[in-house]
Amino acid sequence: MRIRIVFYVKEKKEREFELAGGRMTIGRGTDCNLVVNDPMVSSRHLTIFQEDGNLYVQDENSVNGTFLNGEPLSTMTLLHNKGEVSFCNYKIVVHMEGDGGEAESRPVEELGGNKTMMITRGELDAARSSKLPFSRKQMIIGGVAGVLLLILLVLVLLPSGGTEKKGPAPMRAGMLNTYFLKLDQEVRTRIDDKKNLEQAQAYYNLGKEKLKMVKVNHDALFTGLLYFYRAKGSIMEIDPKPPLWDELNPQIAQTEQQLKKKLKELFQQAWLAETDKDKEAATRIYETIQAMVPDETSLIYRTAAFRMAKLK
């Protein structure tokens, strides 16, 4: 049986693959068979695989979840012909056909103009092992020429052995150019670090202010956490790390813990309300959950929406 995987981005056909080896892992990590460069996608998001002559799909404990024909996945689930697997802004349609020859993945340009980066593991390995822009012989010749040029420069800069000259040798123009280029780079690096640190401090202060509104705003914990994440991202490349770094990490951990605890309590209350057949109370709780995490693409928001739809 030939199995074609057709990949869509926001309902637009993007690429087409044949399931090779009976298994395809999809995610943001470079060890996946299909790499999707999107921060909403987990490192290993989902797997499509064959087992005992059947085709299955399984969510790999992703953050934002995987859905089959609109239903959230919790365990490995049987896939049928033209089944629709969706995650984040992406959709996969599975086509099961009779025996046939191998199909090649057609390039993005033939199937759609969306610029979301996706690449198969084979393409990624090929790119990594591709030849350098220069041949090995050219690189050796260039290296030797560079060494000879360096030796010549040292000989030129050394004082002459003939007539003894008093005082230091004059600094040459090339040395001055190198010095000022290096100085310019150092100054610009310090300016960039300063801007990034100021931006991080501003995000951190906004996050702290947002946390003060937890009792009046449902989304205060979630929004505060986003500000802390942005602050951390702003100083990620600064080395050595500023003191703010040591404040941010425990603050992020504490806020995440508070948000997870609150959401867990609300989902438990909603489930008890559903068990008691109190649809109105359960709906109110799910609406509160959505207000706490207003990201409509998140698994939390979509799960609450799914449960409310079931209550109608």
C-alpha atoms as a PDB file:
ATOM      1  CA  MET A   1       0.000   0.000   0.000  1.00  0.00           C
ATOM      2  CA  ARG A   2       1.312   3.416  -0.979  1.00  0.00           C
ATOM      3  CA  ILE A   3       0.722   6.201   1.556  1.00  0.00           C
ATOM      4  CA  ARG A   4       0.967   9.856   0.528  1.00  0.00           C
ATOM      5  CA  ILE A   5       1.236  12.612   3.134  1.00  0.00           C
ATOM      6  CA  VAL A   6      -0.027  15.991   1.873  1.00  0.00           C
ATOM      7  CA  PHE A   7       1.018  18.928   4.066  1.00  0.00           C
ATOM      8  CA  TYR A   8      -1.034  22.155   4.278  1.00  0.00           C
ATOM      9  CA  VAL A   9      -0.183  25.483   5.929  1.00  0.00           C
ATOM     10  CA  LYS A  10      -3.255  27.565   6.825  1.00  0.00           C
ATOM     11  CA  GLU A  11      -5.350  25.516   4.352  1.00  0.00           C
ATOM     12  CA  LYS A  12      -2.792  26.072   1.542  1.00  0.00           C
ATOM     13  CA  LYS A  13      -1.121  23.012   0.033  1.00  0.00           C
ATOM     14  CA  GLU A  14       2.596  23.148   0.777  1.00  0.00           C
ATOM     15  CA  ARG A  15       4.394  19.844   0.160  1.00  0.00           C
ATOM     16  CA  GLU A  16       3.734  16.175  -0.562  1.00  0.00           C
ATOM     17  CA  PHE A  17       5.623  13.152   0.730  1.00  0.00           C
ATOM     18  CA  GLU A  18       5.470   9.379   0.577  1.00  0.00           C
ATOM     19  CA  LEU A  19       5.638   7.596   3.928  1.00  0.00           C
ATOM     20  CA  ALA A  20       9.047   5.909   3.731  1.00  0.00           C
ATOM     21  CA  GLY A  21      10.151   3.221   6.159  1.00  0.00           C
ATOM     22  CA  GLY A  22       6.683   3.061   7.674  1.00  0.00           C
ATOM     23  CA  ARG A  23       7.279   5.999  10.055  1.00  0.00           C
ATOM     24  CA  MET A  24       7.413   9.812   9.910  1.00  0.00           C
ATOM     25  CA  THR A  25       8.175  12.031  12.910  1.00  0.00           C
ATOM     26  CA  ILE A  26       7.202  15.689  12.630  1.00  0.00           C
ATOM     27  CA  GLY A  27       8.433  18.566  14.802  1.00  0.00           C
ATOM     28  CA  ARG A  28      10.796  21.494  15.229  1.00  0.00           C
ATOM     29  CA  GLY A  29      13.804  19.355  16.145  1.00  0.00           C
ATOM     30  CA  THR A  30      16.375  18.549  13.471  1.00  0.00           C
ATOM     31  CA  ASP A  31      16.191  14.824  14.371  1.00  0.00           C
ATOM     32  CA  CYS A  32      12.629  14.629  12.970  1.00  0.00           C
ATOM     33  CA  ASN A  33      11.847  13.222   9.513  1.00  0.00           C
ATOM     34  CA  LEU A  34       9.952  16.440   8.704  1.00  0.00           C
ATOM     35  CA  VAL A  35      11.324  19.611  10.330  1.00  0.00           C
ATOM     36  CA  VAL A  36       8.863  22.527  10.742  1.00  0.00           C
ATOM     37  CA  ASN A  37      10.559  25.776  11.797  1.00  0.00           C
ATOM     38  CA  ASP A  38       7.783  27.245  13.953  1.00  0.00           C
ATOM     39  CA  PRO A  39       8.053  28.118  17.685  1.00  0.00           C
ATOM     40  CA  MET A  40       4.466  26.887  18.226  1.00  0.00           C
ATOM     41  CA  VAL A  41       5.533  23.391  17.097  1.00  0.00           C
ATOM     42  CA  SER A  42       7.169  21.148  19.712  1.00  0.00           C
ATOM     43  CA  SER A  43      10.622  19.643  19.154  1.00  0.00           C
ATOM     44  CA  ARG A  44       8.964  16.278  18.508  1.00  0.00           C
ATOM     45  CA  HIS A  45       5.280  17.030  17.953  1.00  0.00           C
ATOM     46  CA  LEU A  46       3.681  13.922  16.431  1.00  0.00           C
ATOM     47  CA  THR A  47       4.407  10.622  14.686  1.00  0.00           C
ATOM     48  CA  ILE A  48       2.621   8.849  11.828  1.00  0.00           C
ATOM     49  CA  PHE A  49       3.516   5.156  11.590  1.00  0.00           C
ATOM     50  CA  GLN A  50       2.450   1.737  10.292  1.00  0.00           C
ATOM     51  CA  GLU A  51       1.890  -1.210  12.570  1.00  0.00           C
ATOM     52  CA  ASP A  52       0.368  -4.622  11.756  1.00  0.00           C
ATOM     53  CA  GLY A  53      -0.813  -3.376   8.359  1.00  0.00           C
ATOM     54  CA  ASN A  54      -2.643  -0.357   9.829  1.00  0.00           C
ATOM     55  CA  LEU A  55      -1.697   3.327   9.911  1.00  0.00           C
ATOM     56  CA  TYR A  56      -1.657   5.264  13.191  1.00  0.00           C
ATOM     57  CA  VAL A  57      -1.010   8.801  14.429  1.00  0.00           C
ATOM     58  CA  GLN A  58       0.278   9.661  17.902  1.00  0.00           C
ATOM     59  CA  ASP A  59       0.836  12.968  19.686  1.00  0.00           C
ATOM     60  CA  GLU A  60       4.283  13.054  21.323  1.00  0.00           C
ATOM     61  CA  ASN A  61       3.242  15.016  24.438  1.00  0.00           C
ATOM     62  CA  SER A  62       3.377  18.255  22.452  1.00  0.00           C
ATOM     63  CA  VAL A  63       2.637  21.604  24.094  1.00  0.00           C
ATOM     64  CA  ASN A  64      -0.121  22.708  21.692  1.00  0.00           C
ATOM     65  CA  GLY A  65      -1.610  19.307  20.915  1.00  0.00           C
ATOM     66  CA  THR A  66      -2.543  17.263  17.861  1.00  0.00           C
ATOM     67  CA  PHE A  67      -6.066  16.781  16.484  1.00  0.00           C
ATOM     68  CA  LEU A  68      -7.544  14.084  14.227  1.00  0.00           C
ATOM     69  CA  ASN A  69     -10.605  15.276  12.296  1.00  0.00           C
ATOM     70  CA  GLY A  70     -11.060  17.996  14.922  1.00  0.00           C
ATOM     71  CA  GLU A  71     -10.774  15.679  17.952  1.00  0.00           C
ATOM     72  CA  PRO A  72      -7.788  16.049  20.315  1.00  0.00           C
ATOM     73  CA  LEU A  73      -5.442  13.022  20.470  1.00  0.00           C
ATOM     74  CA  SER A  74      -4.477  11.467  23.786  1.00  0.00           C
ATOM     75  CA  THR A  75      -3.309   8.018  22.608  1.00  0.00           C
ATOM     76  CA  MET A  76      -2.203   6.373  19.357  1.00  0.00           C
ATOM     77  CA  THR A  77      -5.205   6.482  17.025  1.00  0.00           C
ATOM     78  CA  LEU A  78      -6.054   4.577  13.837  1.00  0.00           C
ATOM     79  CA  LEU A  79      -5.819   6.634  10.639  1.00  0.00           C
ATOM     80  CA  HIS A  80      -8.178   6.085   7.687  1.00  0.00           C
ATOM     81  CA  ASN A  81      -7.942   7.229   4.091  1.00  0.00           C
ATOM     82  CA  LYS A  82      -8.199  11.025   3.763  1.00  0.00           C
ATOM     83  CA  GLY A  83      -7.966  11.442   7.531  1.00  0.00           C
ATOM     84  CA  GLU A  84      -7.060  15.020   8.571  1.00  0.00           C
ATOM     85  CA  VAL A  85      -4.389  15.516  11.230  1.00  0.00           C
ATOM     86  CA  SER A  86      -4.016  19.120  12.414  1.00  0.00           C
ATOM     87  CA  PHE A  87      -1.598  20.878  14.785  1.00  0.00           C
ATOM     88  CA  CYS A  88      -0.966  24.604  15.344  1.00  0.00           C
ATOM     89  CA  ASN A  89      -1.539  26.237  11.907  1.00  0.00           C
ATOM     90  CA  TYR A  90      -0.834  23.058   9.953  1.00  0.00           C
ATOM     91  CA  LYS A  91      -2.882  20.216   8.502  1.00  0.00           C
ATOM     92  CA  ILE A  92      -1.914  16.815   7.099  1.00  0.00           C
ATOM     93  CA  VAL A  93      -4.191  14.787   4.832  1.00  0.00           C
ATOM     94  CA  VAL A  94      -3.356  11.091   4.475  1.00  0.00           C
ATOM     95  CA  HIS A  95      -4.048   9.345   1.157  1.00  0.00           C
ATOM     96  CA  MET A  96      -3.878   5.543   1.033  1.00  0.00           C
ATOM     97  CA  GLU A  97      -3.469   4.110  -2.461  1.00  0.00           C
ATOM     98  CA  GLY A  98      -2.700   0.765  -4.124  1.00  0.00           C
ATOM     99  CA  ASP A  99       0.827  -0.451  -4.823  1.00  0.00           C
ATOM    100  CA  GLY A 100       2.866   1.908  -6.979  1.00  0.00           C
ATOM    101  CA  GLY A 101       6.322   3.221  -7.587  1.00  0.00           C
ATOM    102  CA  GLU A 102       8.124   5.580  -5.290  1.00  0.00           C
ATOM    103  CA  ALA A 103       6.961   9.177  -5.307  1.00  0.00           C
ATOM    104  CA  GLU A 104       9.402  12.007  -4.847  1.00  0.00           C
ATOM    105  CA  SER A 105       8.700  15.018  -2.664  1.00  0.00           C
ATOM    106  CA  ARG A 106       7.923  17.904  -4.952  1.00  0.00           C
ATOM    107  CA  PRO A 107       9.498  21.299  -4.078  1.00  0.00           C
ATOM    108  CA  VAL A 108       7.521  23.979  -2.277  1.00  0.00           C
ATOM    109  CA  GLU A 109       7.423  26.218  -5.343  1.00  0.00           C
ATOM    110  CA  GLU A 110       5.400  23.648  -7.279  1.00  0.00           C
ATOM    111  CA  LEU A 111       2.805  23.241  -4.561  1.00  0.00           C
ATOM    112  CA  GLY A 112       2.349  26.678  -2.991  1.00  0.00           C
ATOM    113  CA  GLY A 113       3.976  29.996  -2.162  1.00  0.00           C
ATOM    114  CA  ASN A 114       3.918  29.869   1.632  1.00  0.00           C
ATOM    115  CA  LYS A 115       7.382  30.635   3.023  1.00  0.00           C
ATOM    116  CA  THR A 116       7.171  28.574   6.269  1.00  0.00           C
ATOM    117  CA  MET A 117      10.416  26.626   6.390  1.00  0.00           C
ATOM    118  CA  MET A 118       9.940  22.870   6.269  1.00  0.00           C
ATOM    119  CA  ILE A 119      12.523  20.353   5.172  1.00  0.00           C
ATOM    120  CA  THR A 120      12.780  16.592   5.276  1.00  0.00           C
ATOM    121  CA  ARG A 121      15.491  14.855   7.294  1.00  0.00           C
ATOM    122  CA  GLY A 122      17.063  13.631   4.042  1.00  0.00           C
ATOM    123  CA  GLU A 123      17.225  17.160   2.643  1.00  0.00           C
ATOM    124  CA  LEU A 124      18.700  18.415   5.920  1.00  0.00           C
ATOM    125  CA  ASP A 125      21.404  15.714   5.949  1.00  0.00           C
ATOM    126  CA  ALA A 126      22.171  16.428   2.292  1.00  0.00           C
ATOM    127  CA  ALA A 127      22.530  20.139   3.035  1.00  0.00           C
ATOM    128  CA  ARG A 128      24.869  19.433   5.940  1.00  0.00           C
ATOM    129  CA  SER A 129      27.096  17.145   3.869  1.00  0.00           C
ATOM    130  CA  SER A 130      27.093  19.336   0.763  1.00  0.00           C
ATOM    131  CA  LYS A 131      30.430  20.562  -0.581  1.00  0.00           C
ATOM    132  CA  LEU A 132      31.936  23.777   0.603  1.00  0.00           C
ATOM    133  CA  PRO A 133      31.972  26.711  -1.861  1.00  0.00           C
ATOM    134  CA  PHE A 134      35.741  26.140  -2.316  1.00  0.00           C
ATOM    135  CA  SER A 135      37.512  22.927  -3.232  1.00  0.00           C
ATOM    136  CA  ARG A 136      40.006  21.368  -0.813  1.00  0.00           C
ATOM    137  CA  LYS A 137      42.881  22.286  -3.164  1.00  0.00           C
ATOM    138  CA  GLN A 138      41.762  25.935  -3.305  1.00  0.00           C
ATOM    139  CA  MET A 139      41.528  26.072   0.499  1.00  0.00           C
ATOM    140  CA  ILE A 140      45.083  24.656   0.900  1.00  0.00           C
ATOM    141  CA  ILE A 141      46.498  27.151  -1.612  1.00  0.00           C
ATOM    142  CA  GLY A 142      44.670  29.998   0.111  1.00  0.00           C
ATOM    143  CA  GLY A 143      45.978  28.905   3.522  1.00  0.00           C
ATOM    144  CA  VAL A 144      49.580  28.749   2.308  1.00  0.00           C
ATOM    145  CA  ALA A 145      49.252  32.151   0.662  1.00  0.00           C
ATOM    146  CA  GLY A 146      47.865  33.580   3.898  1.00  0.00           C
ATOM    147  CA  VAL A 147      50.816  32.218   5.929  1.00  0.00           C
ATOM    148  CA  LEU A 148      53.328  33.665   3.432  1.00  0.00           C
ATOM    149  CA  LEU A 149      51.575  37.026   3.555  1.00  0.00           C
ATOM    150  CA  LEU A 150      51.724  37.011   7.355  1.00  0.00           C
ATOM    151  CA  ILE A 151      55.483  36.231   7.316  1.00  0.00           C
ATOM    152  CA  LEU A 152      56.070  39.039   4.818  1.00  0.00           C
ATOM    153  CA  LEU A 153      54.119  41.478   6.999  1.00  0.00           C
ATOM    154  CA  VAL A 154      56.235  40.550  10.067  1.00  0.00           C
ATOM    155  CA  LEU A 155      59.455  41.063   8.116  1.00  0.00           C
ATOM    156  CA  VAL A 156      58.294  44.493   6.913  1.00  0.00           C
ATOM    157  CA  LEU A 157      57.401  45.614  10.433  1.00  0.00           C
ATOM    158  CA  LEU A 158      60.702  44.474  11.977  1.00  0.00           C
ATOM    159  CA  PRO A 159      63.323  47.260  12.391  1.00  0.00           C
ATOM    160  CA  SER A 160      66.161  47.257   9.853  1.00  0.00           C
ATOM    161  CA  GLY A 161      69.444  45.630  10.985  1.00  0.00           C
ATOM    162  CA  GLY A 162      71.684  48.202   9.166  1.00  0.00           C
ATOM    163  CA  THR A 163      71.605  51.612  10.755  1.00  0.00           C
ATOM    164  CA  GLU A 164      70.503  51.768  14.394  1.00  0.00           C
ATOM    165  CA  LYS A 165      67.524  54.063  14.871  1.00  0.00           C
ATOM    166  CA  LYS A 166      66.552  55.626  18.138  1.00  0.00           C
ATOM    167  CA  GLY A 167      62.953  55.585  19.404  1.00  0.00           C
ATOM    168  CA  PRO A 168      60.050  53.303  18.515  1.00  0.00           C
ATOM    169  CA  ALA A 169      59.229  52.392  14.909  1.00  0.00           C
ATOM    170  CA  PRO A 170      56.369  54.457  13.488  1.00  0.00           C
ATOM    171  CA  MET A 171      52.911  52.797  13.521  1.00  0.00           C
ATOM    172  CA  ARG A 172      51.886  51.909  10.002  1.00  0.00           C
ATOM    173  CA  ALA A 173      48.521  52.795   8.391  1.00  0.00           C
ATOM    174  CA  GLY A 174      47.393  49.148   8.233  1.00  0.00           C
ATOM    175  CA  MET A 175      47.897  48.722  11.976  1.00  0.00           C
ATOM    176  CA  LEU A 176      45.928  51.887  12.645  1.00  0.00           C
ATOM    177  CA  ASN A 177      43.060  50.689  10.425  1.00  0.00           C
ATOM    178  CA  THR A 178      42.928  47.339  12.231  1.00  0.00           C
ATOM    179  CA  TYR A 179      42.919  48.994  15.638  1.00  0.00           C
ATOM    180  CA  PHE A 180      40.089  51.390  14.821  1.00  0.00           C
ATOM    181  CA  LEU A 181      37.999  48.660  13.168  1.00  0.00           C
ATOM    182  CA  LYS A 182      38.332  46.539  16.305  1.00  0.00           C
ATOM    183  CA  LEU A 183      37.523  49.521  18.532  1.00  0.00           C
ATOM    184  CA  ASP A 184      34.413  50.316  16.462  1.00  0.00           C
ATOM    185  CA  GLN A 185      33.207  46.702  16.764  1.00  0.00           C
ATOM    186  CA  GLU A 186      33.733  46.664  20.533  1.00  0.00           C
ATOM    187  CA  VAL A 187      31.820  49.932  20.989  1.00  0.00           C
ATOM    188  CA  ARG A 188      28.900  48.738  18.830  1.00  0.00           C
ATOM    189  CA  THR A 189      28.774  45.449  20.762  1.00  0.00           C
ATOM    190  CA  ARG A 190      28.619  47.329  24.066  1.00  0.00           C
ATOM    191  CA  ILE A 191      25.828  49.555  22.695  1.00  0.00           C
ATOM    192  CA  ASP A 192      23.824  46.516  21.485  1.00  0.00           C
ATOM    193  CA  ASP A 193      24.238  44.793  24.846  1.00  0.00           C
ATOM    194  CA  LYS A 194      23.125  47.955  26.617  1.00  0.00           C
ATOM    195  CA  LYS A 195      20.025  48.275  24.413  1.00  0.00           C
ATOM    196  CA  ASN A 196      19.156  44.615  24.920  1.00  0.00           C
ATOM    197  CA  LEU A 197      19.606  44.913  28.667  1.00  0.00           C
ATOM    198  CA  GLU A 198      17.405  48.017  28.796  1.00  0.00           C
ATOM    199  CA  GLN A 199      14.748  46.231  26.753  1.00  0.00           C
ATOM    200  CA  ALA A 200      14.943  43.170  29.012  1.00  0.00           C
ATOM    201  CA  GLN A 201      14.603  45.338  32.127  1.00  0.00           C
ATOM    202  CA  ALA A 202      11.529  47.033  30.633  1.00  0.00           C
ATOM    203  CA  TYR A 203       9.894  43.648  29.864  1.00  0.00           C
ATOM    204  CA  TYR A 204      10.766  42.397  33.351  1.00  0.00           C
ATOM    205  CA  ASN A 205       9.176  45.451  34.986  1.00  0.00           C
ATOM    206  CA  LEU A 206       6.022  45.045  32.848  1.00  0.00           C
ATOM    207  CA  GLY A 207       5.799  41.406  33.902  1.00  0.00           C
ATOM    208  CA  LYS A 208       6.116  42.305  37.598  1.00  0.00           C
ATOM    209  CA  GLU A 209       3.412  44.966  37.249  1.00  0.00           C
ATOM    210  CA  LYS A 210       1.136  42.492  35.476  1.00  0.00           C
ATOM    211  CA  LEU A 211       1.480  39.990  38.334  1.00  0.00           C
ATOM    212  CA  LYS A 212       0.132  42.615  40.741  1.00  0.00           C
ATOM    213  CA  MET A 213      -3.182  42.454  38.842  1.00  0.00           C
ATOM    214  CA  VAL A 214      -3.746  38.708  39.323  1.00  0.00           C
ATOM    215  CA  LYS A 215      -6.847  39.280  41.458  1.00  0.00           C
ATOM    216  CA  VAL A 216      -8.574  41.496  38.883  1.00  0.00           C
ATOM    217  CA  ASN A 217      -7.303  40.199  35.521  1.00  0.00           C
ATOM    218  CA  HIS A 218      -7.685  36.541  34.526  1.00  0.00           C
ATOM    219  CA  ASP A 219      -4.801  36.733  32.043  1.00  0.00           C
ATOM    220  CA  ALA A 220      -2.334  38.423  34.417  1.00  0.00           C
ATOM    221  CA  LEU A 221      -0.221  35.294  35.063  1.00  0.00           C
ATOM    222  CA  PHE A 222      -0.100  34.333  31.372  1.00  0.00           C
ATOM    223  CA  THR A 223       0.726  37.879  30.181  1.00  0.00           C
ATOM    224  CA  GLY A 224       3.315  38.359  32.923  1.00  0.00           C
ATOM    225  CA  LEU A 225       4.966  35.082  31.907  1.00  0.00           C
ATOM    226  CA  LEU A 226       5.141  36.240  28.272  1.00  0.00           C
ATOM    227  CA  TYR A 227       6.914  39.448  29.359  1.00  0.00           C
ATOM    228  CA  PHE A 228       9.425  37.400  31.385  1.00  0.00           C
ATOM    229  CA  TYR A 229      10.081  35.152  28.372  1.00  0.00           C
ATOM    230  CA  ARG A 230      10.735  38.228  26.209  1.00  0.00           C
ATOM    231  CA  ALA A 231      13.085  39.655  28.819  1.00  0.00           C
ATOM    232  CA  LYS A 232      15.046  36.404  28.898  1.00  0.00           C
ATOM    233  CA  GLY A 233      15.233  36.318  25.097  1.00  0.00           C
ATOM    234  CA  SER A 234      16.605  39.883  25.007  1.00  0.00           C
ATOM    235  CA  ILE A 235      19.647  39.034  27.138  1.00  0.00           C
ATOM    236  CA  MET A 236      20.175  35.443  25.984  1.00  0.00           C
ATOM    237  CA  GLU A 237      23.187  36.415  23.829  1.00  0.00           C
ATOM    238  CA  ILE A 238      24.836  38.760  26.344  1.00  0.00           C
ATOM    239  CA  ASP A 239      28.031  37.312  27.830  1.00  0.00           C
ATOM    240  CA  PRO A 240      28.740  37.491  30.685  1.00  0.00           C
ATOM    241  CA  LYS A 241      25.128  37.378  31.854  1.00  0.00           C
ATOM    242  CA  PRO A 242      23.904  40.475  33.753  1.00  0.00           C
ATOM    243  CA  PRO A 243      22.449  40.225  37.307  1.00  0.00           C
ATOM    244  CA  LEU A 244      18.936  40.401  35.807  1.00  0.00           C
ATOM    245  CA  TRP A 245      19.491  36.878  34.453  1.00  0.00           C
ATOM    246  CA  ASP A 246      19.615  35.476  38.001  1.00  0.00           C
ATOM    247  CA  GLU A 247      16.345  37.237  38.854  1.00  0.00           C
ATOM    248  CA  LEU A 248      14.520  36.162  35.706  1.00  0.00           C
ATOM    249  CA  ASN A 249      14.946  32.392  35.853  1.00  0.00           C
ATOM    250  CA  PRO A 250      13.401  31.842  39.316  1.00  0.00           C
ATOM    251  CA  GLN A 251      10.653  34.371  38.467  1.00  0.00           C
ATOM    252  CA  ILE A 252       9.761  32.427  35.314  1.00  0.00           C
ATOM    253  CA  ALA A 253       9.738  29.107  37.205  1.00  0.00           C
ATOM    254  CA  GLN A 254       7.522  30.544  39.961  1.00  0.00           C
ATOM    255  CA  THR A 255       5.042  32.116  37.503  1.00  0.00           C
ATOM    256  CA  GLU A 256       4.845  28.932  35.418  1.00  0.00           C
ATOM    257  CA  GLN A 257       4.137  26.912  38.574  1.00  0.00           C
ATOM    258  CA  GLN A 258       1.377  29.285  39.703  1.00  0.00           C
ATOM    259  CA  LEU A 259      -0.284  29.221  36.269  1.00  0.00           C
ATOM    260  CA  LYS A 260      -0.106  25.421  35.974  1.00  0.00           C
ATOM    261  CA  LYS A 261      -1.538  24.959  39.476  1.00  0.00           C
ATOM    262  CA  LYS A 262      -4.445  27.319  38.801  1.00  0.00           C
ATOM    263  CA  LEU A 263      -5.268  25.702  35.443  1.00  0.00           C
ATOM    264  CA  LYS A 264      -5.129  22.217  36.956  1.00  0.00           C
ATOM    265  CA  GLU A 265      -7.583  23.265  39.676  1.00  0.00           C
ATOM    266  CA  LEU A 266      -9.970  24.823  37.149  1.00  0.00           C
ATOM    267  CA  PHE A 267      -9.950  21.790  34.846  1.00  0.00           C
ATOM    268  CA  GLN A 268     -10.662  19.585  37.884  1.00  0.00           C
ATOM    269  CA  GLN A 269     -13.580  21.808  38.917  1.00  0.00           C
ATOM    270  CA  ALA A 270     -14.945  21.807  35.381  1.00  0.00           C
ATOM    271  CA  TRP A 271     -14.765  18.027  35.221  1.00  0.00           C
ATOM    272  CA  LEU A 272     -16.635  17.683  38.528  1.00  0.00           C
ATOM    273  CA  ALA A 273     -19.297  20.065  37.215  1.00  0.00           C
ATOM    274  CA  GLU A 274     -19.645  17.950  34.074  1.00  0.00           C
ATOM    275  CA  THR A 275     -19.922  14.817  36.221  1.00  0.00           C
ATOM    276  CA  ASP A 276     -22.742  16.484  38.183  1.00  0.00           C
ATOM    277  CA  LYS A 277     -24.350  17.431  34.825  1.00  0.00           C
ATOM    278  CA  ASP A 278     -24.095  21.109  35.733  1.00  0.00           C
ATOM    279  CA  LYS A 279     -23.442  22.350  32.193  1.00  0.00           C
ATOM    280  CA  GLU A 280     -23.790  26.034  33.093  1.00  0.00           C
ATOM    281  CA  ALA A 281     -21.146  25.881  35.848  1.00  0.00           C
ATOM    282  CA  ALA A 282     -18.784  23.826  33.677  1.00  0.00           C
ATOM    283  CA  THR A 283     -19.144  26.298  30.788  1.00  0.00           C
ATOM    284  CA  ARG A 284     -18.334  29.251  33.088  1.00  0.00           C
ATOM    285  CA  ILE A 285     -15.179  27.493  34.296  1.00  0.00           C
ATOM    286  CA  TYR A 286     -14.021  26.703  30.740  1.00  0.00           C
ATOM    287  CA  GLU A 287     -14.599  30.346  29.778  1.00  0.00           C
ATOM    288  CA  THR A 288     -12.417  31.358  32.737  1.00  0.00           C
ATOM    289  CA  ILE A 289      -9.683  28.996  31.512  1.00  0.00           C
ATOM    290  CA  GLN A 290      -9.809  30.606  28.062  1.00  0.00           C
ATOM    291  CA  ALA A 291      -9.602  34.057  29.651  1.00  0.00           C
ATOM    292  CA  MET A 292      -6.515  32.967  31.612  1.00  0.00           C
ATOM    293  CA  VAL A 293      -4.759  31.654  28.477  1.00  0.00           C
ATOM    294  CA  PRO A 294      -6.175  33.735  25.586  1.00  0.00           C
ATOM    295  CA  ASP A 295      -3.887  32.132  23.001  1.00  0.00           C
ATOM    296  CA  GLU A 296      -6.413  30.543  20.636  1.00  0.00           C
ATOM    297  CA  THR A 297      -3.752  28.259  19.112  1.00  0.00           C
ATOM    298  CA  SER A 298      -2.801  26.705  22.460  1.00  0.00           C
ATOM    299  CA  LEU A 299      -3.903  23.222  23.509  1.00  0.00           C
ATOM    300  CA  ILE A 300      -5.356  24.697  26.716  1.00  0.00           C
ATOM    301  CA  TYR A 301      -7.647  27.129  24.883  1.00  0.00           C
ATOM    302  CA  ARG A 302      -8.681  24.576  22.263  1.00  0.00           C
ATOM    303  CA  THR A 303      -9.371  21.872  24.858  1.00  0.00           C
ATOM    304  CA  ALA A 304     -11.668  24.250  26.778  1.00  0.00           C
ATOM    305  CA  ALA A 305     -13.430  25.132  23.522  1.00  0.00           C
ATOM    306  CA  PHE A 306     -13.837  21.452  22.677  1.00  0.00           C
ATOM    307  CA  ARG A 307     -15.356  20.651  26.094  1.00  0.00           C
ATOM    308  CA  MET A 308     -17.795  23.589  25.834  1.00  0.00           C
ATOM    309  CA  ALA A 309     -18.892  22.372  22.404  1.00  0.00           C
ATOM    310  CA  LYS A 310     -19.575  18.946  23.919  1.00  0.00           C
ATOM    311  CA  LEU A 311     -21.765  20.533  26.610  1.00  0.00           C
ATOM    312  CA  LYS A 312     -24.138  22.130  24.079  1.00  0.00           C
END
